[in-house]
Amino acid sequence: KNFERIFFLIAKEKCIRGNHAHKKCSQFFISLKDTIKMELDDGKKKKQIQLKPGHIIKIKPLIWVKVYLKKNQIMCVLCDKKYSYKEYIRNYKDFKKIIRI
């Protein structure tokens, strides 16, 4: 599969990134610095993982993702779709409605 987009999450301070789902885009997360906590939610259950440096995880569409970054942590994200505002599900209630279909 070809990647259409790559970006980096660089934490200048403790923060939560993501906190949304994608309709059709798969994403690949790679921790570049430190072990990074992530929460994955398929609408039925939430799972917390610790992504170790150099490890990669594929997140399929329709998974709500939260990335808990601490100061100076860095994550690389590879996407199989180009950026589109319409691709994002940013409201959790909307996400729950969509996954019930």
C-alpha atoms as a PDB file:
ATOM      1  CA  LYS A   1       0.000   0.000   0.000  1.00  0.00           C
ATOM      2  CA  ASN A   2       1.258   3.476  -0.837  1.00  0.00           C
ATOM      3  CA  PHE A   3       1.294   6.254   1.702  1.00  0.00           C
ATOM      4  CA  GLU A   4      -0.358   9.515   0.670  1.00  0.00           C
ATOM      5  CA  ARG A   5       0.580  11.567   3.720  1.00  0.00           C
ATOM      6  CA  ILE A   6       3.134  11.634   6.505  1.00  0.00           C
ATOM      7  CA  PHE A   7       3.270  13.892   9.532  1.00  0.00           C
ATOM      8  CA  PHE A   8       4.865  14.074  12.950  1.00  0.00           C
ATOM      9  CA  LEU A   9       3.432  14.689  16.392  1.00  0.00           C
ATOM     10  CA  ILE A  10       6.031  16.577  18.413  1.00  0.00           C
ATOM     11  CA  ALA A  11       5.106  17.366  22.003  1.00  0.00           C
ATOM     12  CA  LYS A  12       6.410  20.623  23.388  1.00  0.00           C
ATOM     13  CA  GLU A  13       4.403  19.801  26.509  1.00  0.00           C
ATOM     14  CA  LYS A  14       2.095  17.096  27.819  1.00  0.00           C
ATOM     15  CA  CYS A  15      -0.969  16.877  25.545  1.00  0.00           C
ATOM     16  CA  ILE A  16      -3.597  14.656  23.941  1.00  0.00           C
ATOM     17  CA  ARG A  17      -3.552  14.395  20.155  1.00  0.00           C
ATOM     18  CA  GLY A  18      -5.894  12.618  17.811  1.00  0.00           C
ATOM     19  CA  ASN A  19      -9.148  12.278  19.724  1.00  0.00           C
ATOM     20  CA  HIS A  20     -10.975  11.472  16.488  1.00  0.00           C
ATOM     21  CA  ALA A  21     -11.619   8.672  14.007  1.00  0.00           C
ATOM     22  CA  HIS A  22     -11.330   8.406  10.224  1.00  0.00           C
ATOM     23  CA  LYS A  23     -14.011   7.188   7.846  1.00  0.00           C
ATOM     24  CA  LYS A  24     -11.786   5.473   5.245  1.00  0.00           C
ATOM     25  CA  CYS A  25      -8.166   6.281   6.103  1.00  0.00           C
ATOM     26  CA  SER A  26      -5.846   3.728   7.705  1.00  0.00           C
ATOM     27  CA  GLN A  27      -3.005   5.155   9.748  1.00  0.00           C
ATOM     28  CA  PHE A  28       0.318   3.717  10.841  1.00  0.00           C
ATOM     29  CA  PHE A  29       1.788   5.085  14.066  1.00  0.00           C
ATOM     30  CA  ILE A  30       5.497   4.819  14.905  1.00  0.00           C
ATOM     31  CA  SER A  31       6.991   6.051  18.162  1.00  0.00           C
ATOM     32  CA  LEU A  32      10.275   7.806  17.435  1.00  0.00           C
ATOM     33  CA  LYS A  33      11.068   8.845  20.995  1.00  0.00           C
ATOM     34  CA  ASP A  34       9.957   7.117  24.201  1.00  0.00           C
ATOM     35  CA  THR A  35       7.078   4.752  24.817  1.00  0.00           C
ATOM     36  CA  ILE A  36       3.817   6.501  23.951  1.00  0.00           C
ATOM     37  CA  LYS A  37       0.436   5.677  25.454  1.00  0.00           C
ATOM     38  CA  MET A  38      -2.486   5.339  23.046  1.00  0.00           C
ATOM     39  CA  GLU A  39      -6.172   4.592  23.549  1.00  0.00           C
ATOM     40  CA  LEU A  40      -8.053   2.740  20.807  1.00  0.00           C
ATOM     41  CA  ASP A  41     -11.845   2.596  20.861  1.00  0.00           C
ATOM     42  CA  ASP A  42     -13.967   0.588  18.422  1.00  0.00           C
ATOM     43  CA  GLY A  43     -17.194   1.853  19.980  1.00  0.00           C
ATOM     44  CA  LYS A  44     -17.694  -1.302  22.042  1.00  0.00           C
ATOM     45  CA  LYS A  45     -14.485  -1.453  24.037  1.00  0.00           C
ATOM     46  CA  LYS A  46     -11.495   0.745  24.736  1.00  0.00           C
ATOM     47  CA  LYS A  47      -7.978  -0.633  24.727  1.00  0.00           C
ATOM     48  CA  GLN A  48      -4.878   1.123  25.998  1.00  0.00           C
ATOM     49  CA  ILE A  49      -1.512   0.272  24.504  1.00  0.00           C
ATOM     50  CA  GLN A  50       2.060   1.388  25.075  1.00  0.00           C
ATOM     51  CA  LEU A  51       3.786   1.919  21.714  1.00  0.00           C
ATOM     52  CA  LYS A  52       7.509   1.375  22.165  1.00  0.00           C
ATOM     53  CA  PRO A  53      10.141   3.275  20.146  1.00  0.00           C
ATOM     54  CA  GLY A  54      10.577   1.852  16.667  1.00  0.00           C
ATOM     55  CA  HIS A  55       7.391  -0.206  16.883  1.00  0.00           C
ATOM     56  CA  ILE A  56       4.526   0.357  14.464  1.00  0.00           C
ATOM     57  CA  ILE A  57       0.786  -0.113  14.836  1.00  0.00           C
ATOM     58  CA  LYS A  58      -1.791  -0.011  12.062  1.00  0.00           C
ATOM     59  CA  ILE A  59      -5.088   1.649  12.942  1.00  0.00           C
ATOM     60  CA  LYS A  60      -7.918   0.830  10.571  1.00  0.00           C
ATOM     61  CA  PRO A  61     -10.750   3.245   9.751  1.00  0.00           C
ATOM     62  CA  LEU A  62     -13.568   3.740  12.264  1.00  0.00           C
ATOM     63  CA  ILE A  63     -11.359   3.430  15.352  1.00  0.00           C
ATOM     64  CA  TRP A  64     -11.391   6.381  17.755  1.00  0.00           C
ATOM     65  CA  VAL A  65      -7.775   7.180  18.655  1.00  0.00           C
ATOM     66  CA  LYS A  66      -6.272   9.231  21.460  1.00  0.00           C
ATOM     67  CA  VAL A  67      -2.524   9.725  21.705  1.00  0.00           C
ATOM     68  CA  TYR A  68      -1.208  10.755  25.121  1.00  0.00           C
ATOM     69  CA  LEU A  69       2.054  12.589  24.565  1.00  0.00           C
ATOM     70  CA  LYS A  70       4.492  13.690  27.224  1.00  0.00           C
ATOM     71  CA  LYS A  71       6.931  16.549  26.773  1.00  0.00           C
ATOM     72  CA  ASN A  72       9.543  15.883  24.046  1.00  0.00           C
ATOM     73  CA  GLN A  73       7.909  12.691  22.738  1.00  0.00           C
ATOM     74  CA  ILE A  74       7.783  12.291  18.952  1.00  0.00           C
ATOM     75  CA  MET A  75       5.493  10.135  16.840  1.00  0.00           C
ATOM     76  CA  CYS A  76       5.425   9.602  13.080  1.00  0.00           C
ATOM     77  CA  VAL A  77       2.051   8.992  11.401  1.00  0.00           C
ATOM     78  CA  LEU A  78       1.698   7.537   7.906  1.00  0.00           C
ATOM     79  CA  CYS A  79      -1.683   7.691   6.148  1.00  0.00           C
ATOM     80  CA  ASP A  80      -2.999   5.814   3.120  1.00  0.00           C
ATOM     81  CA  LYS A  81      -5.272   8.729   2.119  1.00  0.00           C
ATOM     82  CA  LYS A  82      -4.630  12.411   1.448  1.00  0.00           C
ATOM     83  CA  TYR A  83      -5.888  14.945   3.970  1.00  0.00           C
ATOM     84  CA  SER A  84      -9.589  15.706   3.715  1.00  0.00           C
ATOM     85  CA  TYR A  85     -11.590  17.560   6.348  1.00  0.00           C
ATOM     86  CA  LYS A  86     -14.640  15.423   5.477  1.00  0.00           C
ATOM     87  CA  GLU A  87     -12.659  12.244   6.244  1.00  0.00           C
ATOM     88  CA  TYR A  88     -12.561  12.997   9.985  1.00  0.00           C
ATOM     89  CA  ILE A  89     -15.143  12.073  12.617  1.00  0.00           C
ATOM     90  CA  ARG A  90     -14.446  14.598  15.365  1.00  0.00           C
ATOM     91  CA  ASN A  91     -17.557  14.231  17.519  1.00  0.00           C
ATOM     92  CA  TYR A  92     -17.692  11.078  19.651  1.00  0.00           C
ATOM     93  CA  LYS A  93     -21.512  10.926  19.589  1.00  0.00           C
ATOM     94  CA  ASP A  94     -21.416  11.029  15.766  1.00  0.00           C
ATOM     95  CA  PHE A  95     -18.774   8.269  15.818  1.00  0.00           C
ATOM     96  CA  LYS A  96     -21.046   6.042  17.926  1.00  0.00           C
ATOM     97  CA  LYS A  97     -23.930   6.622  15.479  1.00  0.00           C
ATOM     98  CA  ILE A  98     -21.775   5.879  12.412  1.00  0.00           C
ATOM     99  CA  ILE A  99     -20.342   2.598  13.719  1.00  0.00           C
ATOM    100  CA  ARG A 100     -23.800   1.240  14.498  1.00  0.00           C
ATOM    101  CA  ILE A 101     -24.656   1.249  10.774  1.00  0.00           C
END
